[in-house]
PDB file of N, CA and C in Angstrom:
ATOM      1  N   MET A   1     -37.791   2.391 -30.482  1.00  0.00           N
ATOM      2  CA  MET A   1     -37.370   1.352 -29.529  1.00  0.00           C
ATOM      3  C   MET A   1     -35.916   1.238 -29.660  1.00  0.00           C
ATOM      4  N   HIS A   2     -35.571   1.497 -30.796  1.00  0.00           N
ATOM      5  CA  HIS A   2     -33.739   1.550 -30.859  1.00  0.00           C
ATOM      6  C   HIS A   2     -33.063   2.745 -29.945  1.00  0.00           C
ATOM      7  N   ARG A   3     -33.754   3.791 -30.018  1.00  0.00           N
ATOM      8  CA  ARG A   3     -33.276   4.854 -28.932  1.00  0.00           C
ATOM      9  C   ARG A   3     -33.241   4.621 -27.525  1.00  0.00           C
ATOM     10  N   CYS A   4     -34.444   3.881 -27.266  1.00  0.00           N
ATOM     11  CA  CYS A   4     -34.644   3.271 -25.877  1.00  0.00           C
ATOM     12  C   CYS A   4     -33.356   2.396 -25.307  1.00  0.00           C
ATOM     13  N   THR A   5     -33.343   1.445 -26.225  1.00  0.00           N
ATOM     14  CA  THR A   5     -32.282   0.443 -26.104  1.00  0.00           C
ATOM     15  C   THR A   5     -30.936   1.254 -25.873  1.00  0.00           C
ATOM     16  N   THR A   6     -30.742   2.210 -26.727  1.00  0.00           N
ATOM     17  CA  THR A   6     -29.367   2.669 -26.923  1.00  0.00           C
ATOM     18  C   THR A   6     -29.336   3.727 -25.577  1.00  0.00           C
ATOM     19  N   ALA A   7     -30.253   4.349 -25.003  1.00  0.00           N
ATOM     20  CA  ALA A   7     -30.036   5.053 -24.000  1.00  0.00           C
ATOM     21  C   ALA A   7     -30.138   4.211 -22.569  1.00  0.00           C
ATOM     22  N   ALA A   8     -30.590   3.110 -22.631  1.00  0.00           N
ATOM     23  CA  ALA A   8     -30.556   2.249 -21.420  1.00  0.00           C
ATOM     24  C   ALA A   8     -29.070   1.762 -21.258  1.00  0.00           C
ATOM     25  N   LEU A   9     -28.561   1.021 -22.651  1.00  0.00           N
ATOM     26  CA  LEU A   9     -27.159   0.563 -22.410  1.00  0.00           C
ATOM     27  C   LEU A   9     -26.234   1.629 -22.063  1.00  0.00           C
ATOM     28  N   LEU A  10     -26.483   3.150 -22.598  1.00  0.00           N
ATOM     29  CA  LEU A  10     -25.503   3.933 -22.132  1.00  0.00           C
ATOM     30  C   LEU A  10     -25.539   4.293 -20.598  1.00  0.00           C
ATOM     31  N   LEU A  11     -26.679   4.426 -19.893  1.00  0.00           N
ATOM     32  CA  LEU A  11     -26.932   4.470 -18.492  1.00  0.00           C
ATOM     33  C   LEU A  11     -26.374   3.433 -17.973  1.00  0.00           C
ATOM     34  N   LEU A  12     -26.523   2.394 -18.307  1.00  0.00           N
ATOM     35  CA  LEU A  12     -25.909   1.072 -18.022  1.00  0.00           C
ATOM     36  C   LEU A  12     -24.193   1.092 -17.749  1.00  0.00           C
ATOM     37  N   VAL A  13     -23.582   1.638 -18.906  1.00  0.00           N
ATOM     38  CA  VAL A  13     -22.211   1.820 -18.857  1.00  0.00           C
ATOM     39  C   VAL A  13     -21.894   2.759 -17.968  1.00  0.00           C
ATOM     40  N   ILE A  14     -22.450   3.868 -17.829  1.00  0.00           N
ATOM     41  CA  ILE A  14     -22.031   5.186 -16.993  1.00  0.00           C
ATOM     42  C   ILE A  14     -22.255   4.780 -15.602  1.00  0.00           C
ATOM     43  N   ALA A  15     -23.235   3.897 -15.267  1.00  0.00           N
ATOM     44  CA  ALA A  15     -23.489   3.381 -13.660  1.00  0.00           C
ATOM     45  C   ALA A  15     -22.226   2.378 -13.410  1.00  0.00           C
ATOM     46  N   LEU A  16     -21.972   1.502 -14.259  1.00  0.00           N
ATOM     47  CA  LEU A  16     -20.888   0.446 -13.910  1.00  0.00           C
ATOM     48  C   LEU A  16     -19.735   1.279 -14.118  1.00  0.00           C
ATOM     49  N   TYR A  17     -19.431   2.474 -14.546  1.00  0.00           N
ATOM     50  CA  TYR A  17     -18.187   2.996 -14.528  1.00  0.00           C
ATOM     51  C   TYR A  17     -17.912   3.636 -13.320  1.00  0.00           C
ATOM     52  N   SER A  18     -19.157   4.399 -12.824  1.00  0.00           N
ATOM     53  CA  SER A  18     -19.256   5.205 -11.655  1.00  0.00           C
ATOM     54  C   SER A  18     -18.796   4.150 -10.257  1.00  0.00           C
ATOM     55  N   LEU A  19     -19.349   2.798 -10.391  1.00  0.00           N
ATOM     56  CA  LEU A  19     -19.165   2.027  -9.493  1.00  0.00           C
ATOM     57  C   LEU A  19     -17.909   1.449  -9.463  1.00  0.00           C
ATOM     58  N   HIS A  20     -17.265   1.500 -10.547  1.00  0.00           N
ATOM     59  CA  HIS A  20     -15.937   1.072 -10.866  1.00  0.00           C
ATOM     60  C   HIS A  20     -14.776   2.132 -10.185  1.00  0.00           C
ATOM     61  N   THR A  21     -14.912   3.140 -10.422  1.00  0.00           N
ATOM     62  CA  THR A  21     -13.990   4.517 -10.041  1.00  0.00           C
ATOM     63  C   THR A  21     -14.381   4.597  -8.359  1.00  0.00           C
ATOM     64  N   GLU A  22     -15.540   4.342  -7.863  1.00  0.00           N
ATOM     65  CA  GLU A  22     -15.641   4.484  -6.441  1.00  0.00           C
ATOM     66  C   GLU A  22     -14.920   3.448  -5.835  1.00  0.00           C
ATOM     67  N   ALA A  23     -14.678   2.447  -6.402  1.00  0.00           N
ATOM     68  CA  ALA A  23     -14.240   1.124  -5.692  1.00  0.00           C
ATOM     69  C   ALA A  23     -12.798   1.631  -5.273  1.00  0.00           C
ATOM     70  N   TYR A  24     -12.103   2.511  -6.187  1.00  0.00           N
ATOM     71  CA  TYR A  24     -10.802   2.835  -6.023  1.00  0.00           C
ATOM     72  C   TYR A  24     -10.513   4.129  -4.709  1.00  0.00           C
ATOM     73  N   LYS A  25     -11.514   4.486  -4.225  1.00  0.00           N
ATOM     74  CA  LYS A  25     -11.654   5.314  -3.028  1.00  0.00           C
ATOM     75  C   LYS A  25     -10.979   4.864  -1.893  1.00  0.00           C
ATOM     76  N   CYS A  26     -10.765   3.380  -2.102  1.00  0.00           N
ATOM     77  CA  CYS A  26     -10.216   2.631  -0.763  1.00  0.00           C
ATOM     78  C   CYS A  26      -8.718   2.297  -1.403  1.00  0.00           C
ATOM     79  N   ARG A  27      -7.780   3.125  -0.953  1.00  0.00           N
ATOM     80  CA  ARG A  27      -6.496   2.962  -1.398  1.00  0.00           C
ATOM     81  C   ARG A  27      -5.492   2.371  -0.640  1.00  0.00           C
ATOM     82  N   CYS A  28      -5.936   2.241   0.615  1.00  0.00           N
ATOM     83  CA  CYS A  28      -4.449   1.858   1.672  1.00  0.00           C
ATOM     84  C   CYS A  28      -4.852   0.460   1.776  1.00  0.00           C
ATOM     85  N   THR A  29      -4.771  -0.429   0.801  1.00  0.00           N
ATOM     86  CA  THR A  29      -4.742  -2.193   1.102  1.00  0.00           C
ATOM     87  C   THR A  29      -3.651  -2.888   0.722  1.00  0.00           C
ATOM     88  N   ARG A  30      -2.472  -1.784   0.474  1.00  0.00           N
ATOM     89  CA  ARG A  30      -1.262  -2.427   0.194  1.00  0.00           C
ATOM     90  C   ARG A  30      -0.416  -1.901   1.226  1.00  0.00           C
ATOM     91  N   LYS A  31       0.979  -2.630   1.675  1.00  0.00           N
ATOM     92  CA  LYS A  31       1.995  -2.066   2.103  1.00  0.00           C
ATOM     93  C   LYS A  31       2.674  -1.073   1.203  1.00  0.00           C
ATOM     94  N   GLY A  32       3.171   0.081   2.111  1.00  0.00           N
ATOM     95  CA  GLY A  32       3.894   1.200   1.338  1.00  0.00           C
ATOM     96  C   GLY A  32       5.277   0.884   1.609  1.00  0.00           C
ATOM     97  N   PRO A  33       5.945   1.946   1.194  1.00  0.00           N
ATOM     98  CA  PRO A  33       7.381   1.830   1.650  1.00  0.00           C
ATOM     99  C   PRO A  33       7.701   1.855   3.142  1.00  0.00           C
ATOM    100  N   LYS A  34       8.637   1.487   3.485  1.00  0.00           N
ATOM    101  CA  LYS A  34       9.250   1.847   4.750  1.00  0.00           C
ATOM    102  C   LYS A  34       9.798   3.145   5.089  1.00  0.00           C
ATOM    103  N   ILE A  35       9.064   3.908   5.929  1.00  0.00           N
ATOM    104  CA  ILE A  35       9.391   5.243   6.229  1.00  0.00           C
ATOM    105  C   ILE A  35       9.695   5.410   7.551  1.00  0.00           C
ATOM    106  N   ARG A  36      10.625   6.572   7.681  1.00  0.00           N
ATOM    107  CA  ARG A  36      11.024   7.171   9.030  1.00  0.00           C
ATOM    108  C   ARG A  36      10.157   8.305   9.427  1.00  0.00           C
ATOM    109  N   TYR A  37       9.761   8.268  10.856  1.00  0.00           N
ATOM    110  CA  TYR A  37       9.082   8.963  11.525  1.00  0.00           C
ATOM    111  C   TYR A  37       9.202  10.679  11.098  1.00  0.00           C
ATOM    112  N   LYS A  38      10.731  10.705  11.152  1.00  0.00           N
ATOM    113  CA  LYS A  38      11.183  12.058  11.130  1.00  0.00           C
ATOM    114  C   LYS A  38      11.026  12.581   9.562  1.00  0.00           C
ATOM    115  N   ASP A  39      10.706  11.569   8.650  1.00  0.00           N
ATOM    116  CA  ASP A  39      10.664  12.183   7.284  1.00  0.00           C
ATOM    117  C   ASP A  39       9.251  12.440   6.905  1.00  0.00           C
ATOM    118  N   VAL A  40       8.272  12.579   7.656  1.00  0.00           N
ATOM    119  CA  VAL A  40       6.751  12.813   7.377  1.00  0.00           C
ATOM    120  C   VAL A  40       6.629  14.206   7.819  1.00  0.00           C
ATOM    121  N   GLN A  41       6.217  14.759   6.636  1.00  0.00           N
ATOM    122  CA  GLN A  41       5.702  16.163   6.865  1.00  0.00           C
ATOM    123  C   GLN A  41       4.420  16.492   7.316  1.00  0.00           C
ATOM    124  N   LYS A  42       3.341  15.578   7.202  1.00  0.00           N
ATOM    125  CA  LYS A  42       2.023  15.938   7.224  1.00  0.00           C
ATOM    126  C   LYS A  42       1.406  14.475   7.437  1.00  0.00           C
ATOM    127  N   LEU A  43       0.324  14.188   8.350  1.00  0.00           N
ATOM    128  CA  LEU A  43      -0.362  12.865   8.376  1.00  0.00           C
ATOM    129  C   LEU A  43      -1.779  13.319   8.194  1.00  0.00           C
ATOM    130  N   GLU A  44      -2.555  12.612   7.443  1.00  0.00           N
ATOM    131  CA  GLU A  44      -4.024  13.038   7.258  1.00  0.00           C
ATOM    132  C   GLU A  44      -4.603  11.507   7.788  1.00  0.00           C
ATOM    133  N   ILE A  45      -5.756  11.703   8.369  1.00  0.00           N
ATOM    134  CA  ILE A  45      -6.620  10.447   8.685  1.00  0.00           C
ATOM    135  C   ILE A  45      -8.009  10.839   8.153  1.00  0.00           C
ATOM    136  N   LYS A  46      -8.526  10.107   7.160  1.00  0.00           N
ATOM    137  CA  LYS A  46      -9.712  10.281   6.456  1.00  0.00           C
ATOM    138  C   LYS A  46     -10.587   9.175   6.982  1.00  0.00           C
ATOM    139  N   PRO A  47     -11.737   9.576   7.308  1.00  0.00           N
ATOM    140  CA  PRO A  47     -12.596   8.496   7.999  1.00  0.00           C
ATOM    141  C   PRO A  47     -13.113   7.528   7.100  1.00  0.00           C
ATOM    142  N   LYS A  48     -14.172   6.403   7.470  1.00  0.00           N
ATOM    143  CA  LYS A  48     -14.555   5.434   6.664  1.00  0.00           C
ATOM    144  C   LYS A  48     -15.610   5.986   6.055  1.00  0.00           C
ATOM    145  N   HIS A  49     -15.893   5.399   4.722  1.00  0.00           N
ATOM    146  CA  HIS A  49     -16.999   5.804   3.845  1.00  0.00           C
ATOM    147  C   HIS A  49     -17.735   4.504   3.299  1.00  0.00           C
ATOM    148  N   PRO A  50     -18.772   4.482   2.687  1.00  0.00           N
ATOM    149  CA  PRO A  50     -19.386   3.617   2.267  1.00  0.00           C
ATOM    150  C   PRO A  50     -18.618   2.418   1.148  1.00  0.00           C
ATOM    151  N   PHE A  51     -17.755   3.072   0.758  1.00  0.00           N
ATOM    152  CA  PHE A  51     -16.964   2.329  -0.477  1.00  0.00           C
ATOM    153  C   PHE A  51     -15.633   1.665   0.234  1.00  0.00           C
ATOM    154  N   CYS A  52     -15.390   2.187   1.547  1.00  0.00           N
ATOM    155  CA  CYS A  52     -14.169   1.562   2.019  1.00  0.00           C
ATOM    156  C   CYS A  52     -14.559   1.375   3.558  1.00  0.00           C
ATOM    157  N   GLN A  53     -14.155   0.274   4.097  1.00  0.00           N
ATOM    158  CA  GLN A  53     -14.616  -0.015   5.387  1.00  0.00           C
ATOM    159  C   GLN A  53     -13.410   0.333   6.493  1.00  0.00           C
ATOM    160  N   GLU A  54     -12.611   0.826   5.981  1.00  0.00           N
ATOM    161  CA  GLU A  54     -11.272   1.077   6.710  1.00  0.00           C
ATOM    162  C   GLU A  54     -10.915   2.656   6.569  1.00  0.00           C
ATOM    163  N   LYS A  55     -10.371   3.088   7.684  1.00  0.00           N
ATOM    164  CA  LYS A  55      -9.889   4.527   7.450  1.00  0.00           C
ATOM    165  C   LYS A  55      -8.967   4.587   6.709  1.00  0.00           C
ATOM    166  N   MET A  56      -8.587   5.909   6.030  1.00  0.00           N
ATOM    167  CA  MET A  56      -7.264   5.906   5.064  1.00  0.00           C
ATOM    168  C   MET A  56      -6.235   6.722   6.043  1.00  0.00           C
ATOM    169  N   ILE A  57      -5.278   6.347   6.021  1.00  0.00           N
ATOM    170  CA  ILE A  57      -4.256   7.101   6.592  1.00  0.00           C
ATOM    171  C   ILE A  57      -3.173   7.695   5.401  1.00  0.00           C
ATOM    172  N   PHE A  58      -3.081   9.046   5.273  1.00  0.00           N
ATOM    173  CA  PHE A  58      -1.879   9.385   4.176  1.00  0.00           C
ATOM    174  C   PHE A  58      -1.013  10.207   4.929  1.00  0.00           C
ATOM    175  N   VAL A  59       0.212   9.952   4.216  1.00  0.00           N
ATOM    176  CA  VAL A  59       1.493  10.622   4.969  1.00  0.00           C
ATOM    177  C   VAL A  59       2.006  11.480   3.574  1.00  0.00           C
ATOM    178  N   THR A  60       2.534  12.725   3.850  1.00  0.00           N
ATOM    179  CA  THR A  60       3.135  13.375   2.872  1.00  0.00           C
ATOM    180  C   THR A  60       4.525  13.648   3.448  1.00  0.00           C
ATOM    181  N   MET A  61       5.422  13.348   2.535  1.00  0.00           N
ATOM    182  CA  MET A  61       6.871  13.271   3.184  1.00  0.00           C
ATOM    183  C   MET A  61       7.568  14.481   2.816  1.00  0.00           C
ATOM    184  N   GLU A  62       8.583  14.810   3.515  1.00  0.00           N
ATOM    185  CA  GLU A  62       9.493  15.966   3.554  1.00  0.00           C
ATOM    186  C   GLU A  62      10.088  16.011   2.338  1.00  0.00           C
ATOM    187  N   ASN A  63      10.388  17.026   1.730  1.00  0.00           N
ATOM    188  CA  ASN A  63      11.186  17.331   0.286  1.00  0.00           C
ATOM    189  C   ASN A  63      12.500  16.946   0.618  1.00  0.00           C
ATOM    190  N   VAL A  64      13.341  16.950   1.710  1.00  0.00           N
ATOM    191  CA  VAL A  64      14.456  16.507   1.876  1.00  0.00           C
ATOM    192  C   VAL A  64      14.661  14.884   1.953  1.00  0.00           C
ATOM    193  N   SER A  65      13.818  14.156   2.166  1.00  0.00           N
ATOM    194  CA  SER A  65      13.824  12.852   2.281  1.00  0.00           C
ATOM    195  C   SER A  65      14.156  12.115   1.211  1.00  0.00           C
ATOM    196  N   ARG A  66      14.109  10.702   1.003  1.00  0.00           N
ATOM    197  CA  ARG A  66      14.568  10.086  -0.366  1.00  0.00           C
ATOM    198  C   ARG A  66      13.268   9.886  -0.810  1.00  0.00           C
ATOM    199  N   PHE A  67      12.018  10.201  -0.491  1.00  0.00           N
ATOM    200  CA  PHE A  67      10.782  10.493  -1.138  1.00  0.00           C
ATOM    201  C   PHE A  67      10.195  11.736  -1.830  1.00  0.00           C
ATOM    202  N   LYS A  68      11.202  12.656  -1.517  1.00  0.00           N
ATOM    203  CA  LYS A  68      10.812  13.850  -2.042  1.00  0.00           C
ATOM    204  C   LYS A  68       9.570  14.655  -2.171  1.00  0.00           C
ATOM    205  N   GLY A  69       8.644  14.774  -1.138  1.00  0.00           N
ATOM    206  CA  GLY A  69       7.299  15.443  -1.117  1.00  0.00           C
ATOM    207  C   GLY A  69       6.505  14.637  -1.317  1.00  0.00           C
ATOM    208  N   GLN A  70       6.373  13.061  -1.721  1.00  0.00           N
ATOM    209  CA  GLN A  70       5.449  12.293  -2.096  1.00  0.00           C
ATOM    210  C   GLN A  70       4.504  12.094  -1.020  1.00  0.00           C
ATOM    211  N   GLU A  71       3.157  11.626  -1.681  1.00  0.00           N
ATOM    212  CA  GLU A  71       1.925  11.373  -0.553  1.00  0.00           C
ATOM    213  C   GLU A  71       1.949   9.642  -0.591  1.00  0.00           C
ATOM    214  N   TYR A  72       1.761   9.014   0.338  1.00  0.00           N
ATOM    215  CA  TYR A  72       1.602   7.775   0.478  1.00  0.00           C
ATOM    216  C   TYR A  72       0.287   7.461   1.441  1.00  0.00           C
ATOM    217  N   CYS A  73      -0.268   6.317   0.901  1.00  0.00           N
ATOM    218  CA  CYS A  73      -1.399   5.857   1.916  1.00  0.00           C
ATOM    219  C   CYS A  73      -0.832   4.740   2.529  1.00  0.00           C
ATOM    220  N   LEU A  74      -0.971   4.587   3.891  1.00  0.00           N
ATOM    221  CA  LEU A  74      -0.521   3.560   4.678  1.00  0.00           C
ATOM    222  C   LEU A  74      -1.926   2.579   5.088  1.00  0.00           C
ATOM    223  N   HIS A  75      -1.368   1.340   5.386  1.00  0.00           N
ATOM    224  CA  HIS A  75      -2.339   0.256   5.500  1.00  0.00           C
ATOM    225  C   HIS A  75      -2.840   0.745   7.210  1.00  0.00           C
ATOM    226  N   PRO A  76      -4.060   0.837   7.100  1.00  0.00           N
ATOM    227  CA  PRO A  76      -4.318   1.214   8.754  1.00  0.00           C
ATOM    228  C   PRO A  76      -4.113  -0.022   9.846  1.00  0.00           C
ATOM    229  N   LYS A  77      -4.261  -1.279   9.284  1.00  0.00           N
ATOM    230  CA  LYS A  77      -4.032  -2.333  10.278  1.00  0.00           C
ATOM    231  C   LYS A  77      -2.507  -2.850  10.730  1.00  0.00           C
ATOM    232  N   LEU A  78      -1.663  -2.060   9.954  1.00  0.00           N
ATOM    233  CA  LEU A  78      -0.415  -2.475  10.251  1.00  0.00           C
ATOM    234  C   LEU A  78      -0.076  -1.812  11.611  1.00  0.00           C
ATOM    235  N   GLN A  79       0.917  -2.465  12.398  1.00  0.00           N
ATOM    236  CA  GLN A  79       1.323  -2.130  13.391  1.00  0.00           C
ATOM    237  C   GLN A  79       2.232  -0.701  13.516  1.00  0.00           C
ATOM    238  N   SER A  80       3.100  -0.731  12.437  1.00  0.00           N
ATOM    239  CA  SER A  80       3.883   0.631  12.106  1.00  0.00           C
ATOM    240  C   SER A  80       2.978   1.683  11.678  1.00  0.00           C
ATOM    241  N   THR A  81       1.873   1.682  11.133  1.00  0.00           N
ATOM    242  CA  THR A  81       0.920   2.577  10.722  1.00  0.00           C
ATOM    243  C   THR A  81       0.359   3.082  12.111  1.00  0.00           C
ATOM    244  N   LYS A  82      -0.143   1.970  13.159  1.00  0.00           N
ATOM    245  CA  LYS A  82      -0.626   2.627  14.197  1.00  0.00           C
ATOM    246  C   LYS A  82       0.393   3.186  15.243  1.00  0.00           C
ATOM    247  N   ASN A  83       1.552   2.851  15.273  1.00  0.00           N
ATOM    248  CA  ASN A  83       2.643   3.694  16.042  1.00  0.00           C
ATOM    249  C   ASN A  83       2.809   4.872  15.357  1.00  0.00           C
ATOM    250  N   LEU A  84       2.943   5.229  14.149  1.00  0.00           N
ATOM    251  CA  LEU A  84       3.152   6.368  13.605  1.00  0.00           C
ATOM    252  C   LEU A  84       1.820   7.318  13.783  1.00  0.00           C
ATOM    253  N   VAL A  85       0.923   6.950  13.901  1.00  0.00           N
ATOM    254  CA  VAL A  85      -0.292   7.858  14.462  1.00  0.00           C
ATOM    255  C   VAL A  85      -0.321   8.011  15.589  1.00  0.00           C
ATOM    256  N   LYS A  86       0.020   7.124  16.650  1.00  0.00           N
ATOM    257  CA  LYS A  86       0.370   7.609  18.133  1.00  0.00           C
ATOM    258  C   LYS A  86       1.327   8.668  18.243  1.00  0.00           C
ATOM    259  N   VAL A  87       2.415   8.641  17.456  1.00  0.00           N
ATOM    260  CA  VAL A  87       3.376   9.698  17.281  1.00  0.00           C
ATOM    261  C   VAL A  87       2.932  10.827  17.150  1.00  0.00           C
ATOM    262  N   TYR A  88       2.125  10.937  16.250  1.00  0.00           N
ATOM    263  CA  TYR A  88       1.737  12.315  15.669  1.00  0.00           C
ATOM    264  C   TYR A  88       0.454  12.976  16.218  1.00  0.00           C
ATOM    265  N   GLU A  89      -0.377  11.943  17.035  1.00  0.00           N
ATOM    266  CA  GLU A  89      -1.532  12.454  18.007  1.00  0.00           C
ATOM    267  C   GLU A  89      -0.939  12.982  19.383  1.00  0.00           C
ATOM    268  N   ALA A  90       0.263  12.571  19.716  1.00  0.00           N
ATOM    269  CA  ALA A  90       0.759  12.844  20.971  1.00  0.00           C
ATOM    270  C   ALA A  90       1.290  14.384  20.878  1.00  0.00           C
TER     271      ALA A  90
END
């Protein structure tokens, strides 16, 4: 009986941990820093998935900019993000 309880508790902890880490897949919920379009090296759009109802938009900055090659996740509903996507899709 003790082993069954321990095993069940361990499985519960693992399940809760996996749900907790899956929640962090939706990373674009905050405003990022103000960026200039010319400083963007790469723009990547990831589709919606079960744990995040918004598409995720990642930008990688140029190494010469003040952000030095860092990657940022931009909030998809901000007008500035929508404008940036239009520029890069054109």
